Amino acid sequence: MKKKNYKKIAKNVIELEIKALQKLKASLNNSFDKAVDAIVKCQSKTILCGVGKSGLIASKIAATLSSVGSPSFALSASDCSHGDLGSISKKDILILISYSGETQELKNIIQYANRNKIKLIGIVSKKNSTLYKAADIKLYIPEVKEAGLGVVPTSSTSIQLAIGDALAVASLNKKKFNKYDFSKLHPSGSLGAQLKSVEDLMITGSKIPFINENQKMKNALKIITNKNLGVLIVKNKQGKTTGIITDGQIRRISQKNKDLQSLQVKQVMTKNPISIDKSTLAAKALSIMNDKKITCLCVTNQNIKNKTIGILHIHNILENSIQ
């Protein structure tokens, strides 16, 4: 018996899907922009619905939209005919996904949306279909050749998924949704660790070892010992940060100056310490520490760069497995 070349089959499936995606790319028009505007301006929820494999794609698109700041969820088309239509409000946007646009289970939802003036976005391949005609915003996806007997949903679901990803990414760009925003919605796992911000990890409040620049080093030594961070943040009487002292500095200066305790803090400190905004990703903070060969950063808030609101120590970063 001749052995089948399954790798050849796999390549054929992938090639069909590539061609389908190319057709989708060429078919995009102004309706896509309208759909993005509608999603971004929505004051409530974006609800997605499909039948069969399209229903699974709807769930994935809803999850992606939610993860980038557009609250969304997927509904079962079948359950909608048995009470779940009550989940859809007039302020919502409804996205229905159907290759044919004639799926029976969606017709009740289409009627409900039209009757209640709920904005309807249709992702559909048949321009003469019920869904295409009823949709307020028509996202046409081209008819494509399926792999596997020519009927198994493969190429068609690939382009449904792709247009959903495109909607999500375009929406986050329009909303100016950034990595800091993204990190707030992904607090756990390895992804959450890499997306933690400086604000998530920094030491704040009474734990910050502050000292006035005019104090004597005798007091500074007590504070640096009690706070146990190996660093002092120096400020003036206006509360502005003027310098930093590390335990390494203290050791070096004490070897040269036996009268260290009688010196003023401002005589010992390093002026203009390196600071970082609280919204910066912790991974970037680690990179700065490595480049500057330091173990601590002063944390500031937006444009007020001369007032320390927190301290980020390298131990805070390493404890959270950030690389």
Protein backbone atom coordinates (compact mmCIF):
# COMPACT_ATOMS: atom_id res chain seq x y z
CA MET A 1 0.00 0.00 0.00
CA LYS A 2 1.37 3.40 -1.00
CA LYS A 3 2.00 5.64 1.97
CA LYS A 4 0.01 8.90 1.88
CA ASN A 5 1.91 12.16 1.93
CA TYR A 6 0.02 13.93 4.72
CA LYS A 7 2.50 16.79 4.65
CA LYS A 8 1.32 17.55 1.11
CA ILE A 9 -2.28 17.59 2.34
CA ALA A 10 -1.35 19.99 5.13
CA LYS A 11 0.37 22.32 2.69
CA ASN A 12 -2.68 22.27 0.44
CA VAL A 13 -4.96 23.20 3.38
CA ILE A 14 -2.66 26.06 4.34
CA GLU A 15 -2.42 27.26 0.74
CA LEU A 16 -6.22 27.35 0.43
CA GLU A 17 -6.45 29.37 3.63
CA ILE A 18 -3.73 31.78 2.46
CA LYS A 19 -5.67 32.38 -0.74
CA ALA A 20 -8.84 32.93 1.29
CA LEU A 21 -7.08 35.52 3.44
CA GLN A 22 -5.76 37.27 0.36
CA LYS A 23 -9.30 37.50 -1.01
CA LEU A 24 -10.48 38.89 2.33
CA LYS A 25 -7.73 41.52 2.31
CA ALA A 26 -8.76 42.66 -1.18
CA SER A 27 -12.46 42.82 -0.24
CA LEU A 28 -12.15 45.26 2.70
CA ASN A 29 -13.99 48.56 2.16
CA ASN A 30 -15.42 51.52 4.08
CA SER A 31 -17.85 49.25 5.91
CA PHE A 32 -14.93 48.02 7.98
CA ASP A 33 -14.22 51.59 9.17
CA LYS A 34 -17.89 52.00 10.07
CA ALA A 35 -17.81 48.78 12.10
CA VAL A 36 -14.72 49.92 14.02
CA ASP A 37 -16.35 53.30 14.77
CA ALA A 38 -19.48 51.54 16.02
CA ILE A 39 -17.52 49.23 18.34
CA VAL A 40 -15.43 52.06 19.79
CA LYS A 41 -18.41 54.37 20.31
CA CYS A 42 -20.56 51.65 21.88
CA GLN A 43 -21.59 52.70 25.40
CA SER A 44 -22.65 49.20 26.37
CA LYS A 45 -21.57 45.78 25.09
CA THR A 46 -20.64 44.19 21.79
CA ILE A 47 -22.51 40.89 21.44
CA LEU A 48 -21.43 38.26 18.93
CA CYS A 49 -23.39 35.30 17.70
CA GLY A 50 -23.00 32.55 15.15
CA VAL A 51 -24.09 28.97 14.56
CA GLY A 52 -21.83 25.91 14.62
CA LYS A 53 -18.22 26.71 13.80
CA SER A 54 -19.14 30.37 13.32
CA GLY A 55 -20.42 30.33 16.90
CA LEU A 56 -16.99 29.18 18.10
CA ILE A 57 -15.36 31.97 16.09
CA ALA A 58 -17.82 34.43 17.68
CA SER A 59 -16.63 33.35 21.15
CA LYS A 60 -12.99 33.90 20.21
CA ILE A 61 -13.64 37.34 18.70
CA ALA A 62 -15.63 38.36 21.79
CA ALA A 63 -12.75 37.28 24.03
CA THR A 64 -10.24 39.24 21.94
CA LEU A 65 -12.36 42.40 21.90
CA SER A 66 -12.84 42.21 25.68
CA SER A 67 -9.09 41.79 26.19
CA VAL A 68 -8.40 45.08 24.40
CA GLY A 69 -10.96 47.18 26.22
CA SER A 70 -14.21 46.62 24.28
CA PRO A 71 -16.54 44.67 26.62
CA SER A 72 -17.96 41.79 24.59
CA PHE A 73 -19.49 38.37 24.95
CA ALA A 74 -20.88 35.64 22.71
CA LEU A 75 -24.42 34.30 22.80
CA SER A 76 -25.68 30.91 21.69
CA ALA A 77 -27.94 31.39 18.68
CA SER A 78 -30.09 28.47 19.81
CA ASP A 79 -30.49 29.83 23.35
CA CYS A 80 -31.49 33.23 21.95
CA SER A 81 -34.71 31.64 20.69
CA HIS A 82 -35.42 30.42 24.21
CA GLY A 83 -35.04 33.56 26.29
CA ASP A 84 -31.48 34.81 25.82
CA LEU A 85 -32.63 37.61 23.51
CA GLY A 86 -33.29 39.38 26.80
CA SER A 87 -29.51 39.71 27.19
CA ILE A 88 -29.40 42.18 24.30
CA SER A 89 -30.21 45.81 25.06
CA LYS A 90 -30.84 48.73 22.72
CA LYS A 91 -27.46 50.25 23.58
CA ASP A 92 -25.60 47.11 22.53
CA ILE A 93 -24.03 46.34 19.17
CA LEU A 94 -24.85 42.96 17.70
CA ILE A 95 -22.41 41.17 15.39
CA LEU A 96 -23.83 38.14 13.61
CA ILE A 97 -21.48 35.78 11.78
CA SER A 98 -22.80 33.48 9.05
CA TYR A 99 -21.12 32.32 5.85
CA SER A 100 -24.46 31.84 4.06
CA GLY A 101 -26.40 34.56 5.88
CA GLU A 102 -29.45 32.32 5.86
CA THR A 103 -28.89 30.26 9.00
CA GLN A 104 -32.31 29.59 10.46
CA GLU A 105 -31.26 30.10 14.08
CA LEU A 106 -30.10 33.66 13.31
CA LYS A 107 -33.33 34.81 11.72
CA ASN A 108 -35.10 35.32 15.04
CA ILE A 109 -32.14 37.38 16.27
CA ILE A 110 -32.15 39.49 13.09
CA GLN A 111 -35.86 40.20 13.50
CA TYR A 112 -35.37 41.12 17.17
CA ALA A 113 -32.49 43.49 16.34
CA ASN A 114 -34.38 45.22 13.53
CA ARG A 115 -37.58 45.50 15.57
CA ASN A 116 -35.74 47.07 18.53
CA LYS A 117 -33.40 49.24 16.44
CA ILE A 118 -30.29 47.50 17.76
CA LYS A 119 -27.27 48.22 15.56
CA LEU A 120 -26.52 45.08 13.58
CA ILE A 121 -23.19 44.24 11.98
CA GLY A 122 -23.30 41.27 9.62
CA ILE A 123 -20.21 39.23 8.73
CA VAL A 124 -21.48 37.32 5.73
CA SER A 125 -20.52 35.98 2.29
CA LYS A 126 -23.85 36.04 0.41
CA LYS A 127 -25.00 39.48 -0.72
CA ASN A 128 -28.53 38.26 -1.46
CA SER A 129 -28.95 36.74 2.00
CA THR A 130 -31.28 37.77 4.80
CA LEU A 131 -28.38 38.79 7.07
CA TYR A 132 -26.65 40.91 4.44
CA LYS A 133 -29.87 42.77 3.61
CA ALA A 134 -30.84 43.32 7.25
CA ALA A 135 -27.45 44.43 8.57
CA ASP A 136 -26.85 48.13 9.31
CA ILE A 137 -23.15 47.57 8.61
CA LYS A 138 -22.33 44.87 6.08
CA LEU A 139 -18.92 43.23 6.40
CA TYR A 140 -18.68 41.17 3.25
CA ILE A 141 -16.32 38.21 3.43
CA PRO A 142 -15.62 36.57 0.05
CA GLU A 143 -16.75 33.10 -0.87
CA VAL A 144 -13.76 30.78 -0.58
CA LYS A 145 -12.82 27.19 -1.29
CA GLU A 146 -12.93 24.94 1.76
CA ALA A 147 -10.36 22.24 2.46
CA GLY A 148 -11.47 18.70 3.27
CA LEU A 149 -14.06 17.43 0.79
CA GLY A 150 -14.67 21.05 -0.16
CA VAL A 151 -17.31 21.37 2.58
CA VAL A 152 -15.51 21.26 5.95
CA PRO A 153 -15.46 24.81 7.43
CA THR A 154 -11.78 25.69 7.22
CA SER A 155 -11.02 28.56 4.85
CA SER A 156 -14.30 30.25 5.71
CA THR A 157 -13.69 30.14 9.47
CA SER A 158 -10.12 31.36 8.93
CA ILE A 159 -11.34 34.55 7.28
CA GLN A 160 -14.06 35.01 9.91
CA LEU A 161 -11.41 34.79 12.59
CA ALA A 162 -9.09 37.13 10.69
CA ILE A 163 -11.70 39.86 10.25
CA GLY A 164 -12.51 39.57 13.96
CA ASP A 165 -8.85 40.04 14.85
CA ALA A 166 -8.69 42.99 12.47
CA LEU A 167 -11.71 44.60 14.15
CA ALA A 168 -10.12 44.15 17.59
CA VAL A 169 -6.73 45.56 16.61
CA ALA A 170 -8.24 48.48 14.68
CA SER A 171 -10.49 49.26 17.66
CA LEU A 172 -7.63 49.29 20.15
CA ASN A 173 -5.71 51.65 17.87
CA LYS A 174 -8.66 54.01 17.56
CA LYS A 175 -9.10 53.97 21.36
CA LYS A 176 -5.33 54.50 21.83
CA PHE A 177 -5.35 51.42 24.03
CA ASN A 178 -1.72 50.76 25.01
CA LYS A 179 0.37 48.05 26.69
CA TYR A 180 -0.25 49.63 30.08
CA ASP A 181 -4.02 49.34 29.53
CA PHE A 182 -3.57 45.80 28.24
CA SER A 183 -1.61 44.80 31.35
CA LYS A 184 -4.53 45.82 33.61
CA LEU A 185 -6.72 43.19 31.91
CA HIS A 186 -4.06 40.43 32.01
CA PRO A 187 -2.85 40.30 35.63
CA SER A 188 -2.01 36.57 35.79
CA GLY A 189 0.28 34.06 34.12
CA SER A 190 3.55 34.64 32.27
CA LEU A 191 1.90 37.23 30.02
CA GLY A 192 0.64 39.10 33.07
CA ALA A 193 4.11 39.09 34.59
CA GLN A 194 5.72 40.58 31.50
CA LEU A 195 2.99 43.22 31.28
CA LYS A 196 3.20 44.36 34.90
CA SER A 197 3.85 48.07 35.23
CA VAL A 198 6.20 49.87 37.58
CA GLU A 199 3.14 50.99 39.56
CA ASP A 200 2.20 47.34 40.19
CA LEU A 201 5.54 46.60 41.87
CA MET A 202 6.81 49.83 43.40
CA ILE A 203 7.24 50.54 47.13
CA THR A 204 5.02 53.38 48.30
CA GLY A 205 3.95 55.50 51.26
CA SER A 206 5.72 55.21 54.59
CA LYS A 207 7.94 52.42 53.25
CA ILE A 208 9.86 54.91 51.09
CA PRO A 209 13.09 55.90 52.91
CA PHE A 210 12.93 59.69 52.53
CA ILE A 211 15.33 62.12 54.17
CA ASN A 212 15.76 65.88 53.97
CA GLU A 213 18.90 67.06 52.23
CA ASN A 214 19.90 69.24 55.22
CA GLN A 215 19.81 66.37 57.73
CA LYS A 216 23.02 64.91 59.11
CA MET A 217 24.28 61.58 57.90
CA LYS A 218 23.89 60.32 61.48
CA ASN A 219 20.12 60.35 60.93
CA ALA A 220 20.49 59.02 57.41
CA LEU A 221 22.31 55.93 58.68
CA LYS A 222 19.46 55.19 61.11
CA ILE A 223 16.82 55.47 58.37
CA ILE A 224 18.68 53.36 55.83
CA THR A 225 19.13 50.67 58.50
CA ASN A 226 15.48 50.72 59.61
CA LYS A 227 13.99 50.72 56.10
CA ASN A 228 16.34 47.91 55.00
CA LEU A 229 16.28 48.82 51.29
CA GLY A 230 19.89 49.88 50.94
CA VAL A 231 18.88 53.27 49.58
CA LEU A 232 17.72 56.75 50.70
CA ILE A 233 15.70 59.20 48.62
CA VAL A 234 16.78 62.76 49.35
CA LYS A 235 14.35 65.65 49.07
CA ASN A 236 14.31 69.37 49.83
CA LYS A 237 11.80 71.20 52.03
CA GLN A 238 9.46 71.60 49.02
CA GLY A 239 9.28 67.80 48.74
CA LYS A 240 11.18 67.67 45.46
CA THR A 241 13.68 64.86 44.96
CA THR A 242 17.22 66.21 44.86
CA GLY A 243 19.36 63.10 45.20
CA ILE A 244 19.86 59.49 46.25
CA ILE A 245 22.20 57.71 48.64
CA THR A 246 22.97 53.99 48.47
CA ASP A 247 24.61 51.81 51.08
CA GLY A 248 27.44 51.28 48.59
CA GLN A 249 28.12 55.02 48.55
CA ILE A 250 28.10 55.12 52.32
CA ARG A 251 30.68 52.32 52.55
CA ARG A 252 32.97 54.00 50.04
CA ILE A 253 32.76 57.44 51.66
CA SER A 254 33.21 56.05 55.21
CA GLN A 255 36.53 54.57 54.15
CA LYS A 256 37.76 58.04 53.13
CA ASN A 257 36.02 60.22 55.70
CA LYS A 258 35.98 59.16 59.35
CA ASP A 259 33.65 62.02 60.21
CA LEU A 260 30.85 60.75 57.92
CA GLN A 261 28.09 61.08 60.53
CA SER A 262 28.58 64.83 60.88
CA LEU A 263 28.28 65.50 57.14
CA GLN A 264 25.05 66.84 55.67
CA VAL A 265 23.10 64.46 53.42
CA LYS A 266 23.45 66.80 50.44
CA GLN A 267 27.24 66.54 50.74
CA VAL A 268 27.08 62.79 50.23
CA MET A 269 24.13 62.22 47.87
CA THR A 270 24.26 61.59 44.13
CA LYS A 271 22.31 64.40 42.49
CA ASN A 272 19.56 63.93 39.87
CA PRO A 273 18.76 60.24 40.45
CA ILE A 274 17.40 58.24 37.53
CA SER A 275 13.61 58.16 37.63
CA ILE A 276 10.89 56.34 35.70
CA ASP A 277 7.17 56.95 35.17
CA LYS A 278 4.82 54.68 37.08
CA SER A 279 3.07 53.53 33.88
CA THR A 280 6.28 52.11 32.36
CA LEU A 281 6.41 48.33 31.95
CA ALA A 282 8.51 46.67 34.64
CA ALA A 283 10.46 44.80 31.93
CA LYS A 284 11.65 48.16 30.58
CA ALA A 285 12.60 49.27 34.08
CA LEU A 286 14.76 46.15 34.43
CA SER A 287 16.45 46.98 31.14
CA ILE A 288 17.27 50.49 32.41
CA MET A 289 18.69 49.07 35.64
CA ASN A 290 20.90 46.67 33.71
CA ASP A 291 22.12 49.40 31.34
CA LYS A 292 22.88 51.86 34.14
CA LYS A 293 24.19 49.15 36.48
CA ILE A 294 21.88 50.25 39.30
CA THR A 295 19.45 48.36 41.54
CA CYS A 296 16.86 51.03 42.27
CA LEU A 297 14.76 53.61 40.43
CA CYS A 298 12.77 56.58 41.69
CA VAL A 299 9.18 56.44 40.45
CA THR A 300 7.34 59.57 39.33
CA ASN A 301 3.87 60.41 38.08
CA GLN A 302 3.57 61.59 34.47
CA ASN A 303 5.16 65.03 34.02
CA ILE A 304 6.05 65.66 37.68
CA LYS A 305 9.52 64.20 37.34
CA ASN A 306 11.07 65.85 40.39
CA LYS A 307 8.74 64.31 42.98
CA THR A 308 9.18 60.67 43.97
CA ILE A 309 5.96 58.74 44.64
CA GLY A 310 7.54 55.30 44.85
CA ILE A 311 10.70 53.20 44.64
CA LEU A 312 11.26 50.26 42.34
CA HIS A 313 13.94 47.89 43.58
CA ILE A 314 15.39 45.14 41.45
CA HIS A 315 14.22 42.64 44.07
CA ASN A 316 10.61 43.66 43.35
CA ILE A 317 11.18 42.79 39.69
CA LEU A 318 12.96 39.48 40.23
CA GLU A 319 10.35 38.31 42.77
CA ASN A 320 7.73 38.63 40.02
CA SER A 321 9.74 36.58 37.49
CA ILE A 322 10.09 39.50 35.09
CA GLN A 323 12.86 39.19 32.54
